[in-house]
Amino acid sequence: MSLVILSWSITIAQIALALAMACACLRMFRGPRAQDRVMGLDTLYINSMLLLLTQGIRNGTAIYFEAALIIGLLGFVSSVALAKFLMRGEVIE
């Protein structure tokens, strides 16, 4: 019984994350300002990281967790670089 509940919960979570990714893509492409597009990109990488984590839980393999870690690290660095670019107009000082 608990395996069925876990399977349905993961499926519902993945559907919700896919819908959140669609909303983030919409904000990223239609955002009126550059700040809105950056926030859409941040939301998109967080949702993709969570989608990989739920897939790793479903399959029971560690490769998805490592991929989610890499996405998290690269997403954070890109967010910092984009924020610095929007504030100063340059990334490298």
Foldseek 3Di string as FASTA:
>chain_A
DVVVVLVVVLVVLLVVLVVQLVVLVCQLVPPPDPVSNLVSLLSNLVSVLVNLVSVCVVVVDCPSVVVSVVSVVVSVVVSVQSVVCVVPVHRDD
